[in-house]
Amino acid sequence: MVKTALFVRLEAKPGKEQEVEALLMGGLPRVEAEPATISWFGLRLGPSTFGIFDGFPDDAGRDAHLAGKVAGALMAKAADLFAKPPENMKINVLAAKLPA
């Protein structure tokens, strides 16, 4: 059951949009190896605005994800790809519908 979530807003530097998109698409295999990451979505919100939304059973799962490979890859390339630091928003999930 998803009880906590994370939304990360990303603003690509001009000309870096395709690299950000590729980074997000490449993140899926990494997060599939995280047992506490119940749901994960790489998003394109606009021409240069991207996001990540993921759900977890608890705070420990969310913290493990933030210390994991996807977050590490994102932060390693942040200065090169993003116009400003990623915005991390920790969220409490009130209701969710996911496949059984």
N, C-alpha and C. Protein backbone atom coordinates (compact mmCIF):
# COMPACT_ATOMS: atom_id res chain seq x y z
N MET A 1 0.83 -1.18 0.00
CA MET A 1 0.00 0.00 0.00
C MET A 1 0.88 1.25 0.00
N VAL A 2 0.53 2.19 -0.81
CA VAL A 2 1.29 3.45 -0.90
C VAL A 2 0.78 4.41 0.18
N LYS A 3 1.71 4.84 1.04
CA LYS A 3 1.35 5.79 2.09
C LYS A 3 2.15 7.08 2.00
N THR A 4 3.32 7.02 1.39
CA THR A 4 4.15 8.21 1.21
C THR A 4 4.57 8.29 -0.26
N ALA A 5 4.93 9.49 -0.67
CA ALA A 5 5.32 9.69 -2.07
C ALA A 5 6.37 10.78 -2.14
N LEU A 6 6.87 10.95 -3.33
CA LEU A 6 7.86 11.97 -3.59
C LEU A 6 7.54 12.55 -4.96
N PHE A 7 7.51 13.87 -5.06
CA PHE A 7 7.39 14.54 -6.35
C PHE A 7 8.61 15.42 -6.52
N VAL A 8 9.32 15.22 -7.60
CA VAL A 8 10.52 15.99 -7.90
C VAL A 8 10.27 16.76 -9.19
N ARG A 9 10.39 18.07 -9.11
CA ARG A 9 10.21 18.94 -10.28
C ARG A 9 11.59 19.29 -10.82
N LEU A 10 11.77 19.14 -12.13
CA LEU A 10 13.05 19.35 -12.79
C LEU A 10 12.88 20.33 -13.93
N GLU A 11 13.73 21.33 -13.99
CA GLU A 11 13.71 22.31 -15.08
C GLU A 11 15.01 22.17 -15.87
N ALA A 12 14.90 21.69 -17.10
CA ALA A 12 16.08 21.47 -17.94
C ALA A 12 16.68 22.79 -18.40
N LYS A 13 18.00 22.81 -18.49
CA LYS A 13 18.67 23.95 -19.11
C LYS A 13 18.31 23.97 -20.59
N PRO A 14 18.32 25.14 -21.22
CA PRO A 14 18.04 25.20 -22.66
C PRO A 14 18.99 24.27 -23.43
N GLY A 15 18.41 23.47 -24.31
CA GLY A 15 19.20 22.53 -25.11
C GLY A 15 19.47 21.20 -24.44
N LYS A 16 19.07 21.03 -23.18
CA LYS A 16 19.33 19.79 -22.43
C LYS A 16 18.08 18.92 -22.26
N GLU A 17 16.99 19.31 -22.90
CA GLU A 17 15.72 18.62 -22.70
C GLU A 17 15.80 17.13 -23.08
N GLN A 18 16.43 16.82 -24.20
CA GLN A 18 16.51 15.42 -24.62
C GLN A 18 17.36 14.59 -23.66
N GLU A 19 18.40 15.19 -23.10
CA GLU A 19 19.23 14.48 -22.14
C GLU A 19 18.47 14.20 -20.85
N VAL A 20 17.66 15.15 -20.41
CA VAL A 20 16.85 14.93 -19.22
C VAL A 20 15.83 13.83 -19.48
N GLU A 21 15.20 13.87 -20.64
CA GLU A 21 14.25 12.82 -21.00
C GLU A 21 14.91 11.45 -21.01
N ALA A 22 16.09 11.35 -21.59
CA ALA A 22 16.82 10.08 -21.63
C ALA A 22 17.20 9.62 -20.22
N LEU A 23 17.59 10.55 -19.37
CA LEU A 23 17.95 10.21 -17.99
C LEU A 23 16.75 9.61 -17.27
N LEU A 24 15.59 10.23 -17.44
CA LEU A 24 14.39 9.71 -16.79
C LEU A 24 14.00 8.34 -17.34
N MET A 25 14.05 8.19 -18.64
CA MET A 25 13.69 6.90 -19.24
C MET A 25 14.67 5.81 -18.80
N GLY A 26 15.92 6.16 -18.64
CA GLY A 26 16.92 5.19 -18.19
C GLY A 26 16.82 4.86 -16.71
N GLY A 27 16.06 5.63 -15.97
CA GLY A 27 15.91 5.38 -14.54
C GLY A 27 15.01 4.21 -14.21
N LEU A 28 14.12 3.84 -15.11
CA LEU A 28 13.15 2.78 -14.83
C LEU A 28 13.82 1.45 -14.43
N PRO A 29 14.79 0.94 -15.16
CA PRO A 29 15.41 -0.33 -14.74
C PRO A 29 16.06 -0.24 -13.35
N ARG A 30 16.60 0.92 -13.01
CA ARG A 30 17.23 1.07 -11.69
C ARG A 30 16.19 1.01 -10.58
N VAL A 31 15.07 1.68 -10.75
CA VAL A 31 14.07 1.69 -9.68
C VAL A 31 13.30 0.40 -9.59
N GLU A 32 13.27 -0.37 -10.69
CA GLU A 32 12.64 -1.70 -10.61
C GLU A 32 13.36 -2.60 -9.61
N ALA A 33 14.61 -2.33 -9.33
CA ALA A 33 15.38 -3.11 -8.36
C ALA A 33 15.17 -2.64 -6.92
N GLU A 34 14.36 -1.62 -6.71
CA GLU A 34 14.09 -1.09 -5.37
C GLU A 34 12.77 -1.67 -4.86
N PRO A 35 12.83 -2.61 -3.93
CA PRO A 35 11.59 -3.27 -3.49
C PRO A 35 10.58 -2.33 -2.82
N ALA A 36 11.02 -1.26 -2.21
CA ALA A 36 10.10 -0.36 -1.52
C ALA A 36 9.54 0.73 -2.43
N THR A 37 9.98 0.78 -3.68
CA THR A 37 9.41 1.74 -4.63
C THR A 37 8.25 1.04 -5.32
N ILE A 38 7.03 1.33 -4.85
CA ILE A 38 5.84 0.65 -5.35
C ILE A 38 5.42 1.19 -6.71
N SER A 39 5.52 2.49 -6.89
CA SER A 39 5.19 3.10 -8.18
C SER A 39 6.24 4.16 -8.49
N TRP A 40 6.49 4.35 -9.78
CA TRP A 40 7.48 5.34 -10.22
C TRP A 40 7.08 5.83 -11.60
N PHE A 41 7.07 7.15 -11.76
CA PHE A 41 6.70 7.75 -13.03
C PHE A 41 7.71 8.83 -13.39
N GLY A 42 8.29 8.76 -14.56
CA GLY A 42 9.08 9.84 -15.13
C GLY A 42 8.13 10.67 -15.99
N LEU A 43 8.08 11.97 -15.78
CA LEU A 43 7.07 12.82 -16.40
C LEU A 43 7.68 13.95 -17.22
N ARG A 44 6.97 14.33 -18.26
CA ARG A 44 7.29 15.56 -18.98
C ARG A 44 6.08 16.48 -18.80
N LEU A 45 6.29 17.59 -18.11
CA LEU A 45 5.22 18.50 -17.77
C LEU A 45 5.08 19.66 -18.75
N GLY A 46 6.12 19.91 -19.52
CA GLY A 46 6.12 21.00 -20.49
C GLY A 46 7.37 20.90 -21.34
N PRO A 47 7.63 21.87 -22.20
CA PRO A 47 8.77 21.80 -23.10
C PRO A 47 10.12 21.58 -22.39
N SER A 48 10.31 22.20 -21.23
CA SER A 48 11.58 22.04 -20.52
C SER A 48 11.38 21.64 -19.06
N THR A 49 10.14 21.33 -18.70
CA THR A 49 9.84 20.96 -17.31
C THR A 49 9.52 19.48 -17.23
N PHE A 50 10.18 18.81 -16.30
CA PHE A 50 10.03 17.37 -16.12
C PHE A 50 9.73 17.10 -14.65
N GLY A 51 9.38 15.87 -14.37
CA GLY A 51 9.13 15.50 -12.99
C GLY A 51 9.27 14.02 -12.77
N ILE A 52 9.32 13.66 -11.51
CA ILE A 52 9.31 12.27 -11.08
C ILE A 52 8.28 12.17 -9.97
N PHE A 53 7.41 11.19 -10.07
CA PHE A 53 6.47 10.91 -8.99
C PHE A 53 6.61 9.45 -8.63
N ASP A 54 6.84 9.17 -7.36
CA ASP A 54 6.96 7.79 -6.93
C ASP A 54 6.29 7.59 -5.58
N GLY A 55 5.82 6.35 -5.36
CA GLY A 55 5.11 6.02 -4.14
C GLY A 55 5.80 4.91 -3.36
N PHE A 56 5.63 4.97 -2.04
CA PHE A 56 6.32 4.07 -1.13
C PHE A 56 5.38 3.63 0.00
N PRO A 57 5.68 2.51 0.65
CA PRO A 57 4.83 2.07 1.75
C PRO A 57 5.03 2.88 3.04
N ASP A 58 6.20 3.52 3.14
CA ASP A 58 6.52 4.24 4.38
C ASP A 58 7.70 5.18 4.15
N ASP A 59 8.03 5.94 5.20
CA ASP A 59 9.14 6.89 5.11
C ASP A 59 10.48 6.19 4.86
N ALA A 60 10.66 5.00 5.43
CA ALA A 60 11.92 4.28 5.24
C ALA A 60 12.13 3.93 3.77
N GLY A 61 11.07 3.52 3.09
CA GLY A 61 11.18 3.22 1.66
C GLY A 61 11.52 4.45 0.84
N ARG A 62 10.89 5.57 1.19
CA ARG A 62 11.17 6.82 0.48
C ARG A 62 12.61 7.25 0.73
N ASP A 63 13.08 7.14 1.97
CA ASP A 63 14.46 7.52 2.29
C ASP A 63 15.46 6.62 1.56
N ALA A 64 15.15 5.32 1.47
CA ALA A 64 16.03 4.40 0.74
C ALA A 64 16.11 4.79 -0.73
N HIS A 65 14.99 5.19 -1.30
CA HIS A 65 14.99 5.61 -2.70
C HIS A 65 15.84 6.88 -2.89
N LEU A 66 15.69 7.82 -1.98
CA LEU A 66 16.46 9.06 -2.07
C LEU A 66 17.97 8.81 -1.95
N ALA A 67 18.34 7.72 -1.32
CA ALA A 67 19.76 7.36 -1.19
C ALA A 67 20.19 6.37 -2.28
N GLY A 68 19.29 6.05 -3.22
CA GLY A 68 19.54 5.02 -4.21
C GLY A 68 20.20 5.50 -5.49
N LYS A 69 20.22 4.61 -6.49
CA LYS A 69 20.93 4.84 -7.74
C LYS A 69 20.29 5.91 -8.63
N VAL A 70 18.96 5.97 -8.66
CA VAL A 70 18.31 6.97 -9.51
C VAL A 70 18.61 8.37 -8.99
N ALA A 71 18.45 8.55 -7.67
CA ALA A 71 18.74 9.86 -7.08
C ALA A 71 20.21 10.21 -7.26
N GLY A 72 21.08 9.23 -7.12
CA GLY A 72 22.52 9.47 -7.31
C GLY A 72 22.84 9.90 -8.73
N ALA A 73 22.24 9.24 -9.71
CA ALA A 73 22.48 9.60 -11.12
C ALA A 73 21.93 10.99 -11.42
N LEU A 74 20.79 11.30 -10.84
CA LEU A 74 20.18 12.60 -11.05
C LEU A 74 21.06 13.71 -10.48
N MET A 75 21.53 13.52 -9.27
CA MET A 75 22.34 14.55 -8.62
C MET A 75 23.73 14.67 -9.27
N ALA A 76 24.25 13.57 -9.78
CA ALA A 76 25.56 13.61 -10.43
C ALA A 76 25.53 14.48 -11.69
N LYS A 77 24.36 14.57 -12.34
CA LYS A 77 24.25 15.33 -13.57
C LYS A 77 23.49 16.65 -13.39
N ALA A 78 23.08 16.95 -12.17
CA ALA A 78 22.23 18.11 -11.91
C ALA A 78 22.84 19.42 -12.41
N ALA A 79 24.09 19.67 -12.13
CA ALA A 79 24.71 20.94 -12.51
C ALA A 79 24.76 21.11 -14.03
N ASP A 80 24.91 20.02 -14.75
CA ASP A 80 25.00 20.07 -16.21
C ASP A 80 23.63 20.16 -16.89
N LEU A 81 22.62 19.49 -16.30
CA LEU A 81 21.33 19.36 -16.98
C LEU A 81 20.25 20.35 -16.55
N PHE A 82 20.30 20.81 -15.30
CA PHE A 82 19.16 21.54 -14.76
C PHE A 82 19.44 23.02 -14.56
N ALA A 83 18.43 23.84 -14.86
CA ALA A 83 18.54 25.29 -14.72
C ALA A 83 18.56 25.70 -13.25
N LYS A 84 17.99 24.87 -12.39
CA LYS A 84 18.01 25.11 -10.94
C LYS A 84 17.98 23.76 -10.26
N PRO A 85 18.35 23.69 -8.99
CA PRO A 85 18.37 22.40 -8.30
C PRO A 85 16.99 21.73 -8.34
N PRO A 86 16.96 20.39 -8.41
CA PRO A 86 15.67 19.68 -8.36
C PRO A 86 14.90 20.04 -7.09
N GLU A 87 13.59 20.20 -7.24
CA GLU A 87 12.71 20.48 -6.11
C GLU A 87 12.11 19.17 -5.61
N ASN A 88 12.48 18.74 -4.42
CA ASN A 88 11.93 17.51 -3.84
C ASN A 88 10.80 17.85 -2.90
N MET A 89 9.63 17.27 -3.13
CA MET A 89 8.49 17.47 -2.25
C MET A 89 8.07 16.13 -1.68
N LYS A 90 8.19 15.97 -0.36
CA LYS A 90 7.73 14.76 0.30
C LYS A 90 6.23 14.89 0.53
N ILE A 91 5.49 13.85 0.17
CA ILE A 91 4.03 13.87 0.15
C ILE A 91 3.49 12.71 0.96
N ASN A 92 2.39 12.94 1.68
CA ASN A 92 1.64 11.87 2.32
C ASN A 92 0.47 11.52 1.40
N VAL A 93 0.31 10.25 1.09
CA VAL A 93 -0.75 9.80 0.19
C VAL A 93 -1.99 9.48 1.00
N LEU A 94 -3.11 10.09 0.65
CA LEU A 94 -4.37 9.85 1.34
C LEU A 94 -5.15 8.69 0.73
N ALA A 95 -5.06 8.53 -0.58
CA ALA A 95 -5.77 7.46 -1.28
C ALA A 95 -5.04 7.15 -2.58
N ALA A 96 -5.06 5.89 -3.00
CA ALA A 96 -4.39 5.50 -4.24
C ALA A 96 -5.08 4.29 -4.84
N LYS A 97 -5.01 4.19 -6.15
CA LYS A 97 -5.47 3.00 -6.86
C LYS A 97 -4.32 2.51 -7.73
N LEU A 98 -3.87 1.30 -7.45
CA LEU A 98 -2.78 0.69 -8.21
C LEU A 98 -3.19 -0.71 -8.60
N PRO A 99 -2.56 -1.30 -9.61
CA PRO A 99 -2.88 -2.69 -9.95
C PRO A 99 -2.58 -3.63 -8.78
N ALA A 100 -3.37 -4.67 -8.68
CA ALA A 100 -3.18 -5.64 -7.58
C ALA A 100 -1.97 -6.52 -7.83
